[in-house]
N, C-alpha and C. Protein backbone atom coordinates (compact mmCIF):
# COMPACT_ATOMS: atom_id res chain seq x y z
N UNK A 1 156.54 261.66 233.57
CA UNK A 1 155.47 261.75 232.59
C UNK A 1 155.17 263.21 232.28
N UNK A 2 155.22 263.58 231.00
CA UNK A 2 154.95 264.96 230.61
C UNK A 2 153.45 265.19 230.45
N UNK A 3 153.03 266.41 230.79
CA UNK A 3 151.63 266.77 230.58
C UNK A 3 151.50 267.53 229.28
N UNK A 4 150.40 267.35 228.64
CA UNK A 4 150.13 268.03 227.37
C UNK A 4 149.92 269.52 227.62
N UNK A 5 150.42 270.34 226.71
CA UNK A 5 150.26 271.79 226.85
C UNK A 5 148.80 272.20 226.72
N UNK A 6 148.48 273.34 227.30
CA UNK A 6 147.10 273.81 227.23
C UNK A 6 146.81 274.32 225.82
N UNK A 7 145.64 273.99 225.33
CA UNK A 7 145.25 274.40 224.00
C UNK A 7 144.39 275.66 224.07
N UNK A 8 144.50 276.50 223.05
CA UNK A 8 143.73 277.74 223.03
C UNK A 8 142.25 277.44 222.90
N UNK A 9 141.44 278.23 223.60
CA UNK A 9 139.99 278.12 223.49
C UNK A 9 139.42 279.51 223.22
N UNK A 10 138.49 279.59 222.28
CA UNK A 10 137.91 280.86 221.87
C UNK A 10 136.40 280.69 221.76
N UNK A 11 135.66 281.75 222.13
CA UNK A 11 134.20 281.75 221.98
C UNK A 11 133.86 282.58 220.75
N UNK A 12 133.00 282.03 219.90
CA UNK A 12 132.61 282.73 218.68
C UNK A 12 131.20 282.39 218.25
N UNK A 13 130.77 283.03 217.17
CA UNK A 13 129.43 282.84 216.63
C UNK A 13 129.51 282.14 215.29
N UNK A 14 128.60 281.21 215.05
CA UNK A 14 128.60 280.46 213.80
C UNK A 14 127.95 281.30 212.70
N UNK A 15 128.66 281.41 211.57
CA UNK A 15 128.19 282.19 210.43
C UNK A 15 127.67 281.27 209.34
N UNK A 16 128.28 280.09 209.17
CA UNK A 16 127.88 279.16 208.12
C UNK A 16 128.00 277.73 208.62
N UNK A 17 126.99 276.91 208.24
CA UNK A 17 127.04 275.48 208.57
C UNK A 17 126.65 274.65 207.35
N UNK A 18 126.93 275.16 206.15
CA UNK A 18 126.52 274.49 204.91
C UNK A 18 127.37 273.26 204.61
N UNK A 19 128.57 273.19 205.17
CA UNK A 19 129.45 272.07 204.90
C UNK A 19 129.11 270.88 205.81
N UNK A 20 129.57 269.71 205.43
CA UNK A 20 129.32 268.52 206.23
C UNK A 20 130.36 268.43 207.34
N UNK A 21 129.89 268.40 208.60
CA UNK A 21 130.73 268.30 209.79
C UNK A 21 131.72 269.45 209.93
N UNK A 22 131.42 270.59 209.33
CA UNK A 22 132.28 271.77 209.42
C UNK A 22 131.41 273.00 209.60
N UNK A 23 131.86 273.91 210.48
CA UNK A 23 131.18 275.19 210.65
C UNK A 23 132.20 276.31 210.54
N UNK A 24 131.72 277.49 210.14
CA UNK A 24 132.57 278.67 210.06
C UNK A 24 132.24 279.55 211.25
N UNK A 25 133.24 279.79 212.11
CA UNK A 25 133.04 280.53 213.35
C UNK A 25 133.76 281.86 213.26
N UNK A 26 133.06 282.95 213.64
CA UNK A 26 133.65 284.28 213.66
C UNK A 26 133.85 284.69 215.11
N UNK A 27 135.09 285.09 215.43
CA UNK A 27 135.39 285.58 216.78
C UNK A 27 135.71 287.06 216.68
N UNK A 28 135.39 287.78 217.74
CA UNK A 28 135.61 289.22 217.77
C UNK A 28 136.43 289.59 218.99
N UNK A 29 137.36 290.53 218.80
CA UNK A 29 138.15 291.01 219.93
C UNK A 29 138.36 292.51 219.78
N UNK A 30 138.58 293.18 220.90
CA UNK A 30 138.81 294.62 220.90
C UNK A 30 140.31 294.88 221.01
N UNK A 31 140.82 295.75 220.12
CA UNK A 31 142.23 296.10 220.11
C UNK A 31 142.34 297.61 220.21
N UNK A 32 143.23 298.09 221.05
CA UNK A 32 143.42 299.53 221.21
C UNK A 32 144.35 300.05 220.13
N UNK A 33 143.93 301.10 219.43
CA UNK A 33 144.76 301.70 218.39
C UNK A 33 145.97 302.36 219.04
N UNK A 34 147.19 302.10 218.52
CA UNK A 34 148.39 302.61 219.19
C UNK A 34 148.50 304.13 219.24
N UNK A 35 148.01 304.79 218.19
CA UNK A 35 148.14 306.26 218.16
C UNK A 35 146.91 306.98 218.72
N UNK A 36 145.72 306.57 218.29
CA UNK A 36 144.49 307.28 218.64
C UNK A 36 143.83 306.76 219.91
N UNK A 37 144.34 305.67 220.47
CA UNK A 37 143.85 305.10 221.73
C UNK A 37 142.36 304.72 221.68
N UNK A 38 141.83 304.54 220.48
CA UNK A 38 140.44 304.16 220.32
C UNK A 38 140.38 302.63 220.13
N UNK A 39 139.33 302.01 220.67
CA UNK A 39 139.20 300.56 220.54
C UNK A 39 138.58 300.20 219.20
N UNK A 40 139.19 299.22 218.53
CA UNK A 40 138.75 298.77 217.22
C UNK A 40 138.34 297.30 217.34
N UNK A 41 137.27 296.92 216.64
CA UNK A 41 136.85 295.52 216.61
C UNK A 41 137.62 294.78 215.53
N UNK A 42 138.23 293.67 215.92
CA UNK A 42 138.94 292.82 214.97
C UNK A 42 138.22 291.48 214.92
N UNK A 43 138.02 290.96 213.70
CA UNK A 43 137.31 289.69 213.53
C UNK A 43 138.25 288.66 212.91
N UNK A 44 138.11 287.41 213.36
CA UNK A 44 138.83 286.28 212.78
C UNK A 44 137.83 285.19 212.44
N UNK A 45 138.06 284.51 211.31
CA UNK A 45 137.20 283.40 210.92
C UNK A 45 137.97 282.10 211.08
N UNK A 46 137.33 281.13 211.69
CA UNK A 46 137.93 279.82 211.88
C UNK A 46 136.99 278.74 211.35
N UNK A 47 137.56 277.75 210.64
CA UNK A 47 136.81 276.56 210.26
C UNK A 47 136.94 275.59 211.43
N UNK A 48 135.82 275.09 211.92
CA UNK A 48 135.84 274.21 213.08
C UNK A 48 135.11 272.90 212.76
N UNK A 49 135.59 271.81 213.34
CA UNK A 49 135.02 270.48 213.13
C UNK A 49 133.83 270.28 214.07
N UNK A 50 132.67 270.00 213.49
CA UNK A 50 131.45 269.74 214.26
C UNK A 50 131.01 268.32 213.93
N UNK A 51 131.36 267.37 214.78
CA UNK A 51 131.19 265.95 214.47
C UNK A 51 129.74 265.52 214.29
N UNK A 52 128.83 266.05 215.11
CA UNK A 52 127.43 265.62 215.04
C UNK A 52 126.56 266.51 214.17
N UNK A 53 127.10 267.52 213.53
CA UNK A 53 126.33 268.51 212.78
C UNK A 53 125.23 269.11 213.65
N UNK A 54 125.55 269.41 214.91
CA UNK A 54 124.57 269.88 215.88
C UNK A 54 124.42 271.40 215.87
N UNK A 55 125.38 272.11 215.32
CA UNK A 55 125.39 273.57 215.39
C UNK A 55 124.57 274.20 214.27
N UNK A 56 123.92 275.32 214.62
CA UNK A 56 123.15 276.08 213.64
C UNK A 56 123.70 277.49 213.53
N UNK A 57 123.26 278.21 212.52
CA UNK A 57 123.73 279.58 212.31
C UNK A 57 123.25 280.45 213.47
N UNK A 58 124.16 281.26 214.01
CA UNK A 58 123.83 282.15 215.12
C UNK A 58 124.15 281.57 216.49
N UNK A 59 124.48 280.29 216.57
CA UNK A 59 124.84 279.68 217.85
C UNK A 59 126.17 280.24 218.34
N UNK A 60 126.27 280.40 219.65
CA UNK A 60 127.53 280.80 220.26
C UNK A 60 128.22 279.53 220.74
N UNK A 61 129.47 279.30 220.28
CA UNK A 61 130.16 278.06 220.58
C UNK A 61 131.55 278.32 221.14
N UNK A 62 132.06 277.32 221.86
CA UNK A 62 133.43 277.33 222.36
C UNK A 62 134.23 276.39 221.47
N UNK A 63 135.28 276.92 220.82
CA UNK A 63 136.11 276.08 219.96
C UNK A 63 137.49 275.92 220.58
N UNK A 64 138.08 274.75 220.37
CA UNK A 64 139.38 274.42 220.94
C UNK A 64 140.35 274.09 219.82
N UNK A 65 141.56 274.54 219.96
CA UNK A 65 142.61 274.27 218.99
C UNK A 65 142.92 272.77 218.98
N UNK A 66 143.18 272.23 217.78
CA UNK A 66 143.49 270.80 217.69
C UNK A 66 144.48 270.56 216.56
N UNK A 67 144.79 269.30 216.35
CA UNK A 67 145.68 268.95 215.25
C UNK A 67 144.97 269.24 213.94
N UNK A 68 145.71 269.39 212.83
CA UNK A 68 145.06 269.65 211.55
C UNK A 68 144.13 268.50 211.14
N UNK A 69 142.87 268.84 210.87
CA UNK A 69 141.88 267.86 210.47
C UNK A 69 141.78 267.82 208.95
N UNK A 70 141.92 268.98 208.32
CA UNK A 70 141.95 269.07 206.85
C UNK A 70 142.85 270.25 206.48
N UNK A 71 142.79 270.68 205.23
CA UNK A 71 143.65 271.77 204.76
C UNK A 71 143.41 273.06 205.55
N UNK A 72 142.17 273.36 205.88
CA UNK A 72 141.84 274.61 206.57
C UNK A 72 141.36 274.44 208.01
N UNK A 73 140.98 273.22 208.42
CA UNK A 73 140.42 273.01 209.76
C UNK A 73 141.50 272.69 210.78
N UNK A 74 141.61 273.55 211.80
CA UNK A 74 142.54 273.32 212.91
C UNK A 74 141.84 273.50 214.26
N UNK A 75 140.52 273.56 214.27
CA UNK A 75 139.75 273.79 215.48
C UNK A 75 138.62 272.77 215.56
N UNK A 76 138.16 272.48 216.80
CA UNK A 76 137.02 271.60 217.04
C UNK A 76 136.00 272.35 217.89
N UNK A 77 134.73 272.06 217.68
CA UNK A 77 133.68 272.64 218.51
C UNK A 77 133.65 271.85 219.81
N UNK A 78 133.97 272.52 220.93
CA UNK A 78 133.97 271.85 222.23
C UNK A 78 132.56 271.74 222.80
N UNK A 79 131.86 272.87 222.83
CA UNK A 79 130.48 272.85 223.33
C UNK A 79 129.72 274.05 222.79
N UNK A 80 128.41 273.89 222.77
CA UNK A 80 127.53 274.99 222.36
C UNK A 80 127.19 275.77 223.62
N UNK A 81 127.63 277.02 223.67
CA UNK A 81 127.41 277.86 224.84
C UNK A 81 125.98 278.36 224.87
N UNK A 82 125.47 278.81 223.69
CA UNK A 82 124.13 279.38 223.61
C UNK A 82 123.54 279.08 222.25
N UNK A 83 122.32 278.53 222.24
CA UNK A 83 121.64 278.23 220.98
C UNK A 83 120.97 279.49 220.45
N UNK A 84 120.93 279.64 219.13
CA UNK A 84 120.25 280.77 218.51
C UNK A 84 118.74 280.57 218.59
N UNK A 85 118.03 281.66 218.68
CA UNK A 85 116.55 281.59 218.81
C UNK A 85 115.93 281.48 217.42
């Protein structure tokens, strides 16, 4: 019996929740510049599936990679790490 491969998980902040059952999550990572050795912030935006519409703007969430849900959605909201105040 084969085991399923591990799926990527990323923590990010919700920027938009205007869509139905979809949120826009921004993740940030630090990358070292090859020449100047200075750290640069890189941002990625992911559309994530939020089944219960439970997430609000500013919430910190854990998203997990999944099968394609729509044209742009390939992630699901696993859990809300921290609610926005």
